[in-house]
Amino acid sequence: MDIADRYIRNEQMLSHEENLRLRSFRVAVVGCGGLGGHIIEMLARMGIGHITAIDGDVFEPHNLNRQLLSLPSNLGMSKAGEAQKRIALVNPDVQVVPVAQMLDESNAGALLHGHDIVCDALDNVTTRKIVAKAASMLNIPMVFAAIAGWYAQVGTIMPGDDLLEKIYPEGINKGAETHLGNPAFTPALAASLQLAETIKVLLGKQGVLKNKLLVLDTLEHHYEVISFD
């Protein structure tokens, strides 16, 4: 297969040169579950050249309803390792480096260093803030999403911004998904929007959600952008 044929359908929205540039970027995805599995696959299908998949967890039966990478045959196996296996099938030109460990304050800087952008696909606020702090110190943009039931949030944090502190007051750790659950469609939708933000940031496109929060309610089909400028 001619490698150009793989991305030809991207060239009505991105130029040929922009498609080639995507192969030079390094993206860190923190969390390889509901959000992360979709993000990793879509990054690979877009042609991002290097993906670091960070997750110390393994697949469990309750992941099967929504996590793209989970299968009955890989329960108990590393989420990061399974991400690497999946992308080897989807797009073997993409390098996926699995990191089967949990990100925390002690290793965040080392794990995120050298990347062009970070995609946060976590399920708790405490670690999300650790990722944001480390990314900012490394001068790396971060795109995050949060999901719960029918609802989702997406935002982009540029180095030096404090969007998470404005959204999540001190003392909040777990997201609302603990109470509202997660179906299959909410993480897929949020991850798609997260990917769009990632591509815009990498290629310098307009319309980035800088200091803004996109709030989605798929039950009532209400979508709102809240500005924190």
C-alpha atoms as a PDB file:
ATOM      1  CA  MET A   1       0.000   0.000   0.000  1.00  0.00           C
ATOM      2  CA  ASP A   2       1.245   3.464  -0.913  1.00  0.00           C
ATOM      3  CA  ILE A   3       1.557   5.350   2.383  1.00  0.00           C
ATOM      4  CA  ALA A   4       0.019   8.430   0.731  1.00  0.00           C
ATOM      5  CA  ASP A   5      -3.184   6.470   0.070  1.00  0.00           C
ATOM      6  CA  ARG A   6      -3.731   5.940   3.799  1.00  0.00           C
ATOM      7  CA  TYR A   7      -4.129   9.662   4.511  1.00  0.00           C
ATOM      8  CA  ILE A   8      -5.624  10.885   1.232  1.00  0.00           C
ATOM      9  CA  ARG A   9      -9.040  11.412   2.850  1.00  0.00           C
ATOM     10  CA  ASN A  10      -7.453  13.831   5.335  1.00  0.00           C
ATOM     11  CA  GLU A  11      -6.324  16.164   2.574  1.00  0.00           C
ATOM     12  CA  GLN A  12      -9.624  17.939   2.106  1.00  0.00           C
ATOM     13  CA  MET A  13      -9.268  19.324   5.643  1.00  0.00           C
ATOM     14  CA  LEU A  14      -5.467  19.275   6.033  1.00  0.00           C
ATOM     15  CA  SER A  15      -2.862  20.087   3.422  1.00  0.00           C
ATOM     16  CA  HIS A  16      -0.427  17.475   2.157  1.00  0.00           C
ATOM     17  CA  GLU A  17       2.317  19.230   4.111  1.00  0.00           C
ATOM     18  CA  GLU A  18       0.249  19.194   7.311  1.00  0.00           C
ATOM     19  CA  ASN A  19      -0.390  15.484   6.914  1.00  0.00           C
ATOM     20  CA  LEU A  20       3.333  14.913   6.615  1.00  0.00           C
ATOM     21  CA  ARG A  21       3.967  17.045   9.716  1.00  0.00           C
ATOM     22  CA  LEU A  22       1.702  14.835  11.821  1.00  0.00           C
ATOM     23  CA  ARG A  23       4.207  12.016  11.445  1.00  0.00           C
ATOM     24  CA  SER A  24       6.839  14.118  13.260  1.00  0.00           C
ATOM     25  CA  PHE A  25       4.837  14.702  16.452  1.00  0.00           C
ATOM     26  CA  ARG A  26       5.161  12.878  19.756  1.00  0.00           C
ATOM     27  CA  VAL A  27       1.970  12.596  21.829  1.00  0.00           C
ATOM     28  CA  ALA A  28       1.677  11.284  25.383  1.00  0.00           C
ATOM     29  CA  VAL A  29      -1.676   9.745  26.310  1.00  0.00           C
ATOM     30  CA  VAL A  30      -2.178   9.370  30.058  1.00  0.00           C
ATOM     31  CA  GLY A  31      -4.782   6.669  30.591  1.00  0.00           C
ATOM     32  CA  CYS A  32      -5.616   3.888  28.129  1.00  0.00           C
ATOM     33  CA  GLY A  33      -9.190   3.179  29.156  1.00  0.00           C
ATOM     34  CA  GLY A  34     -12.481   4.594  27.858  1.00  0.00           C
ATOM     35  CA  LEU A  35     -11.125   7.907  26.614  1.00  0.00           C
ATOM     36  CA  GLY A  36      -7.549   6.808  26.088  1.00  0.00           C
ATOM     37  CA  GLY A  37      -8.265   3.778  23.929  1.00  0.00           C
ATOM     38  CA  HIS A  38     -10.263   5.873  21.463  1.00  0.00           C
ATOM     39  CA  ILE A  39      -7.680   8.668  21.508  1.00  0.00           C
ATOM     40  CA  ILE A  40      -4.781   6.323  20.844  1.00  0.00           C
ATOM     41  CA  GLU A  41      -6.513   4.613  17.937  1.00  0.00           C
ATOM     42  CA  MET A  42      -7.585   7.886  16.333  1.00  0.00           C
ATOM     43  CA  LEU A  43      -4.126   9.420  16.756  1.00  0.00           C
ATOM     44  CA  ALA A  44      -2.703   6.410  14.934  1.00  0.00           C
ATOM     45  CA  ARG A  45      -5.280   6.599  12.159  1.00  0.00           C
ATOM     46  CA  MET A  46      -4.477  10.300  11.717  1.00  0.00           C
ATOM     47  CA  GLY A  47      -0.798   9.391  11.302  1.00  0.00           C
ATOM     48  CA  ILE A  48       0.774  10.766  14.492  1.00  0.00           C
ATOM     49  CA  GLY A  49       4.258   9.267  14.387  1.00  0.00           C
ATOM     50  CA  HIS A  50       4.890   8.522  18.062  1.00  0.00           C
ATOM     51  CA  ILE A  51       2.451   7.763  20.876  1.00  0.00           C
ATOM     52  CA  THR A  52       3.438   7.075  24.465  1.00  0.00           C
ATOM     53  CA  ALA A  53       0.630   5.098  26.138  1.00  0.00           C
ATOM     54  CA  ILE A  54       0.777   5.503  29.930  1.00  0.00           C
ATOM     55  CA  ASP A  55      -1.366   3.330  32.201  1.00  0.00           C
ATOM     56  CA  GLY A  56      -0.480   0.982  35.041  1.00  0.00           C
ATOM     57  CA  ASP A  57      -3.896  -0.686  35.071  1.00  0.00           C
ATOM     58  CA  VAL A  58      -5.130  -3.960  33.545  1.00  0.00           C
ATOM     59  CA  PHE A  59      -8.422  -4.713  31.810  1.00  0.00           C
ATOM     60  CA  GLU A  60     -11.349  -5.916  33.924  1.00  0.00           C
ATOM     61  CA  PRO A  61     -14.816  -7.164  32.912  1.00  0.00           C
ATOM     62  CA  HIS A  62     -16.483  -3.824  33.705  1.00  0.00           C
ATOM     63  CA  ASN A  63     -14.312  -2.162  31.046  1.00  0.00           C
ATOM     64  CA  LEU A  64     -15.912  -4.148  28.222  1.00  0.00           C
ATOM     65  CA  ASN A  65     -18.948  -1.893  27.851  1.00  0.00           C
ATOM     66  CA  ARG A  66     -16.981   1.123  26.625  1.00  0.00           C
ATOM     67  CA  GLN A  67     -13.213   0.663  26.378  1.00  0.00           C
ATOM     68  CA  LEU A  68     -12.195   0.170  22.764  1.00  0.00           C
ATOM     69  CA  LEU A  69      -9.053  -1.792  23.600  1.00  0.00           C
ATOM     70  CA  SER A  70     -10.717  -4.221  26.001  1.00  0.00           C
ATOM     71  CA  LEU A  71     -11.759  -7.704  24.858  1.00  0.00           C
ATOM     72  CA  PRO A  72     -12.850 -10.853  26.683  1.00  0.00           C
ATOM     73  CA  SER A  73      -9.547 -12.376  25.564  1.00  0.00           C
ATOM     74  CA  ASN A  74      -7.306  -9.703  27.142  1.00  0.00           C
ATOM     75  CA  LEU A  75      -8.888  -9.340  30.584  1.00  0.00           C
ATOM     76  CA  GLY A  76      -6.153  -9.096  33.195  1.00  0.00           C
ATOM     77  CA  MET A  77      -3.643  -7.796  30.661  1.00  0.00           C
ATOM     78  CA  SER A  78      -1.875  -4.424  30.638  1.00  0.00           C
ATOM     79  CA  LYS A  79      -3.883  -1.621  29.069  1.00  0.00           C
ATOM     80  CA  ALA A  80      -0.724   0.084  27.827  1.00  0.00           C
ATOM     81  CA  GLY A  81       0.643  -3.135  26.370  1.00  0.00           C
ATOM     82  CA  GLU A  82      -2.637  -3.903  24.613  1.00  0.00           C
ATOM     83  CA  ALA A  83      -2.619  -0.396  23.119  1.00  0.00           C
ATOM     84  CA  GLN A  84       0.724  -1.150  21.507  1.00  0.00           C
ATOM     85  CA  LYS A  85      -0.573  -4.455  20.102  1.00  0.00           C
ATOM     86  CA  ARG A  86      -3.714  -2.833  18.729  1.00  0.00           C
ATOM     87  CA  ILE A  87      -1.896  -0.029  16.920  1.00  0.00           C
ATOM     88  CA  ALA A  88       0.558  -2.489  15.387  1.00  0.00           C
ATOM     89  CA  LEU A  89      -2.501  -3.862  13.578  1.00  0.00           C
ATOM     90  CA  VAL A  90      -4.152  -0.512  12.844  1.00  0.00           C
ATOM     91  CA  ASN A  91      -1.135   1.443  11.581  1.00  0.00           C
ATOM     92  CA  PRO A  92       2.273  -0.253  11.793  1.00  0.00           C
ATOM     93  CA  ASP A  93       3.985   3.001  10.766  1.00  0.00           C
ATOM     94  CA  VAL A  94       3.131   4.501  14.158  1.00  0.00           C
ATOM     95  CA  GLN A  95       5.453   3.840  17.074  1.00  0.00           C
ATOM     96  CA  VAL A  96       3.629   3.160  20.339  1.00  0.00           C
ATOM     97  CA  VAL A  97       5.701   3.010  23.514  1.00  0.00           C
ATOM     98  CA  PRO A  98       3.732   1.382  26.349  1.00  0.00           C
ATOM     99  CA  VAL A  99       4.407   2.557  29.892  1.00  0.00           C
ATOM    100  CA  ALA A 100       2.715   0.128  32.272  1.00  0.00           C
ATOM    101  CA  GLN A 101       2.903   2.292  35.368  1.00  0.00           C
ATOM    102  CA  MET A 102       0.723   4.870  37.055  1.00  0.00           C
ATOM    103  CA  LEU A 103       1.731   8.488  36.604  1.00  0.00           C
ATOM    104  CA  ASP A 104       2.292  10.373  39.848  1.00  0.00           C
ATOM    105  CA  GLU A 105       4.261  13.322  41.186  1.00  0.00           C
ATOM    106  CA  SER A 106       7.483  11.310  41.282  1.00  0.00           C
ATOM    107  CA  ASN A 107       7.540  10.308  37.608  1.00  0.00           C
ATOM    108  CA  ALA A 108       5.288  12.783  35.769  1.00  0.00           C
ATOM    109  CA  GLY A 109       8.114  14.998  34.543  1.00  0.00           C
ATOM    110  CA  ALA A 110      10.195  12.099  33.248  1.00  0.00           C
ATOM    111  CA  LEU A 111       7.244  10.412  31.528  1.00  0.00           C
ATOM    112  CA  LEU A 112       6.003  13.558  29.774  1.00  0.00           C
ATOM    113  CA  HIS A 113       9.376  15.017  28.825  1.00  0.00           C
ATOM    114  CA  GLY A 114      10.053  15.225  25.098  1.00  0.00           C
ATOM    115  CA  HIS A 115       6.454  15.213  23.904  1.00  0.00           C
ATOM    116  CA  ASP A 116       4.732  17.862  21.814  1.00  0.00           C
ATOM    117  CA  ILE A 117       1.377  17.561  23.584  1.00  0.00           C
ATOM    118  CA  VAL A 118      -0.288  15.557  26.353  1.00  0.00           C
ATOM    119  CA  CYS A 119      -3.754  13.992  26.114  1.00  0.00           C
ATOM    120  CA  ASP A 120      -5.215  13.491  29.573  1.00  0.00           C
ATOM    121  CA  ALA A 121      -7.626  10.530  29.660  1.00  0.00           C
ATOM    122  CA  LEU A 122      -7.834  10.039  33.411  1.00  0.00           C
ATOM    123  CA  ASP A 123     -10.773   9.426  35.725  1.00  0.00           C
ATOM    124  CA  ASN A 124      -9.653  11.477  38.722  1.00  0.00           C
ATOM    125  CA  VAL A 125      -8.938  15.138  39.333  1.00  0.00           C
ATOM    126  CA  THR A 126      -5.898  14.692  41.568  1.00  0.00           C
ATOM    127  CA  THR A 127      -3.796  12.968  38.913  1.00  0.00           C
ATOM    128  CA  ARG A 128      -5.139  15.275  36.206  1.00  0.00           C
ATOM    129  CA  LYS A 129      -3.755  18.229  38.162  1.00  0.00           C
ATOM    130  CA  ILE A 130      -0.404  16.457  38.494  1.00  0.00           C
ATOM    131  CA  VAL A 131      -0.321  15.989  34.715  1.00  0.00           C
ATOM    132  CA  ALA A 132      -1.246  19.639  34.135  1.00  0.00           C
ATOM    133  CA  LYS A 133       1.456  20.892  36.508  1.00  0.00           C
ATOM    134  CA  ALA A 134       4.159  18.714  34.955  1.00  0.00           C
ATOM    135  CA  ALA A 135       3.098  19.618  31.415  1.00  0.00           C
ATOM    136  CA  SER A 136       3.163  23.316  32.223  1.00  0.00           C
ATOM    137  CA  MET A 137       6.640  23.063  33.756  1.00  0.00           C
ATOM    138  CA  LEU A 138       7.818  21.289  30.598  1.00  0.00           C
ATOM    139  CA  ASN A 139       6.123  23.919  28.394  1.00  0.00           C
ATOM    140  CA  ILE A 140       3.837  21.282  26.854  1.00  0.00           C
ATOM    141  CA  PRO A 141       0.161  21.912  25.984  1.00  0.00           C
ATOM    142  CA  MET A 142      -2.406  19.536  27.460  1.00  0.00           C
ATOM    143  CA  VAL A 143      -5.845  18.557  26.175  1.00  0.00           C
ATOM    144  CA  PHE A 144      -8.167  16.948  28.714  1.00  0.00           C
ATOM    145  CA  ALA A 145     -11.633  15.454  28.848  1.00  0.00           C
ATOM    146  CA  ALA A 146     -13.913  14.256  31.624  1.00  0.00           C
ATOM    147  CA  ILE A 147     -16.930  11.999  31.155  1.00  0.00           C
ATOM    148  CA  ALA A 148     -19.924  10.873  33.211  1.00  0.00           C
ATOM    149  CA  GLY A 149     -23.114   9.264  31.992  1.00  0.00           C
ATOM    150  CA  TRP A 150     -24.692  11.482  29.333  1.00  0.00           C
ATOM    151  CA  TYR A 151     -22.239  14.319  30.028  1.00  0.00           C
ATOM    152  CA  ALA A 152     -18.712  15.312  29.055  1.00  0.00           C
ATOM    153  CA  GLN A 153     -16.242  18.181  29.288  1.00  0.00           C
ATOM    154  CA  VAL A 154     -13.311  19.026  27.027  1.00  0.00           C
ATOM    155  CA  GLY A 155     -10.683  21.738  27.391  1.00  0.00           C
ATOM    156  CA  THR A 156      -7.167  22.736  26.342  1.00  0.00           C
ATOM    157  CA  ILE A 157      -4.561  23.986  28.786  1.00  0.00           C
ATOM    158  CA  MET A 158      -1.597  25.915  27.464  1.00  0.00           C
ATOM    159  CA  PRO A 159       1.566  26.208  29.603  1.00  0.00           C
ATOM    160  CA  GLY A 160       1.026  28.678  32.432  1.00  0.00           C
ATOM    161  CA  ASP A 161      -2.778  28.504  32.376  1.00  0.00           C
ATOM    162  CA  ASP A 162      -4.683  27.435  35.494  1.00  0.00           C
ATOM    163  CA  LEU A 163      -7.941  26.216  33.965  1.00  0.00           C
ATOM    164  CA  LEU A 164      -8.193  23.124  36.175  1.00  0.00           C
ATOM    165  CA  GLU A 165      -7.966  25.197  39.346  1.00  0.00           C
ATOM    166  CA  LYS A 166     -10.926  27.247  38.126  1.00  0.00           C
ATOM    167  CA  ILE A 167     -12.999  24.192  37.210  1.00  0.00           C
ATOM    168  CA  TYR A 168     -12.200  21.868  40.112  1.00  0.00           C
ATOM    169  CA  PRO A 169     -12.174  23.354  43.629  1.00  0.00           C
ATOM    170  CA  GLU A 170      -9.786  21.928  46.196  1.00  0.00           C
ATOM    171  CA  GLY A 171     -10.956  18.683  47.725  1.00  0.00           C
ATOM    172  CA  ILE A 172     -12.590  17.263  44.595  1.00  0.00           C
ATOM    173  CA  ASN A 173     -10.885  14.080  43.388  1.00  0.00           C
ATOM    174  CA  LYS A 174     -13.208  11.628  41.708  1.00  0.00           C
ATOM    175  CA  GLY A 175     -15.207  12.772  38.694  1.00  0.00           C
ATOM    176  CA  ALA A 176     -18.965  12.465  38.412  1.00  0.00           C
ATOM    177  CA  GLU A 177     -18.672   9.174  36.534  1.00  0.00           C
ATOM    178  CA  THR A 178     -18.485   7.482  39.957  1.00  0.00           C
ATOM    179  CA  HIS A 179     -22.152   8.401  40.423  1.00  0.00           C
ATOM    180  CA  LEU A 180     -23.414   8.609  36.837  1.00  0.00           C
ATOM    181  CA  GLY A 181     -21.557   5.723  35.188  1.00  0.00           C
ATOM    182  CA  ASN A 182     -20.235   5.538  31.645  1.00  0.00           C
ATOM    183  CA  PRO A 183     -21.878   4.185  28.513  1.00  0.00           C
ATOM    184  CA  ALA A 184     -20.041   3.437  25.269  1.00  0.00           C
ATOM    185  CA  PHE A 185     -20.879   6.646  23.419  1.00  0.00           C
ATOM    186  CA  THR A 186     -19.784   9.343  25.887  1.00  0.00           C
ATOM    187  CA  PRO A 187     -16.054   8.491  25.935  1.00  0.00           C
ATOM    188  CA  ALA A 188     -16.073   8.013  22.151  1.00  0.00           C
ATOM    189  CA  LEU A 189     -17.608  11.459  21.641  1.00  0.00           C
ATOM    190  CA  ALA A 190     -15.352  13.214  24.145  1.00  0.00           C
ATOM    191  CA  ALA A 191     -12.249  11.493  22.760  1.00  0.00           C
ATOM    192  CA  SER A 192     -13.136  12.624  19.229  1.00  0.00           C
ATOM    193  CA  LEU A 193     -13.372  16.230  20.375  1.00  0.00           C
ATOM    194  CA  GLN A 194     -10.160  15.830  22.359  1.00  0.00           C
ATOM    195  CA  LEU A 195      -8.425  14.590  19.216  1.00  0.00           C
ATOM    196  CA  ALA A 196      -9.722  17.554  17.214  1.00  0.00           C
ATOM    197  CA  GLU A 197      -8.247  19.900  19.833  1.00  0.00           C
ATOM    198  CA  THR A 198      -4.956  17.994  19.738  1.00  0.00           C
ATOM    199  CA  ILE A 199      -4.645  18.277  15.965  1.00  0.00           C
ATOM    200  CA  LYS A 200      -5.504  21.995  16.087  1.00  0.00           C
ATOM    201  CA  VAL A 201      -2.865  22.693  18.720  1.00  0.00           C
ATOM    202  CA  LEU A 202      -0.177  20.685  16.927  1.00  0.00           C
ATOM    203  CA  LEU A 203      -0.810  22.361  13.570  1.00  0.00           C
ATOM    204  CA  GLY A 204      -1.480  25.859  14.913  1.00  0.00           C
ATOM    205  CA  LYS A 205      -5.121  25.961  13.821  1.00  0.00           C
ATOM    206  CA  GLN A 206      -7.673  28.473  15.102  1.00  0.00           C
ATOM    207  CA  GLY A 207     -10.542  27.749  17.464  1.00  0.00           C
ATOM    208  CA  VAL A 208      -8.579  26.048  20.249  1.00  0.00           C
ATOM    209  CA  LEU A 209     -10.424  25.829  23.590  1.00  0.00           C
ATOM    210  CA  LYS A 210      -7.766  27.829  25.437  1.00  0.00           C
ATOM    211  CA  ASN A 211      -9.115  28.944  28.831  1.00  0.00           C
ATOM    212  CA  LYS A 212     -12.462  27.525  27.754  1.00  0.00           C
ATOM    213  CA  LEU A 213     -14.490  24.483  28.690  1.00  0.00           C
ATOM    214  CA  LEU A 214     -16.749  22.699  26.230  1.00  0.00           C
ATOM    215  CA  VAL A 215     -19.638  21.156  28.164  1.00  0.00           C
ATOM    216  CA  LEU A 216     -21.763  18.500  26.473  1.00  0.00           C
ATOM    217  CA  ASP A 217     -25.144  17.139  27.518  1.00  0.00           C
ATOM    218  CA  THR A 218     -26.111  14.384  25.091  1.00  0.00           C
ATOM    219  CA  LEU A 219     -29.378  13.661  26.915  1.00  0.00           C
ATOM    220  CA  GLU A 220     -30.889  17.069  26.111  1.00  0.00           C
ATOM    221  CA  HIS A 221     -28.426  17.824  23.275  1.00  0.00           C
ATOM    222  CA  HIS A 222     -27.178  20.961  24.949  1.00  0.00           C
ATOM    223  CA  TYR A 223     -23.650  22.073  24.122  1.00  0.00           C
ATOM    224  CA  GLU A 224     -21.987  25.110  25.623  1.00  0.00           C
ATOM    225  CA  VAL A 225     -18.548  26.718  25.638  1.00  0.00           C
ATOM    226  CA  ILE A 226     -17.738  28.435  28.946  1.00  0.00           C
ATOM    227  CA  SER A 227     -14.943  31.007  28.870  1.00  0.00           C
ATOM    228  CA  PHE A 228     -12.603  31.455  31.854  1.00  0.00           C
ATOM    229  CA  ASP A 229     -10.624  34.425  30.451  1.00  0.00           C
END
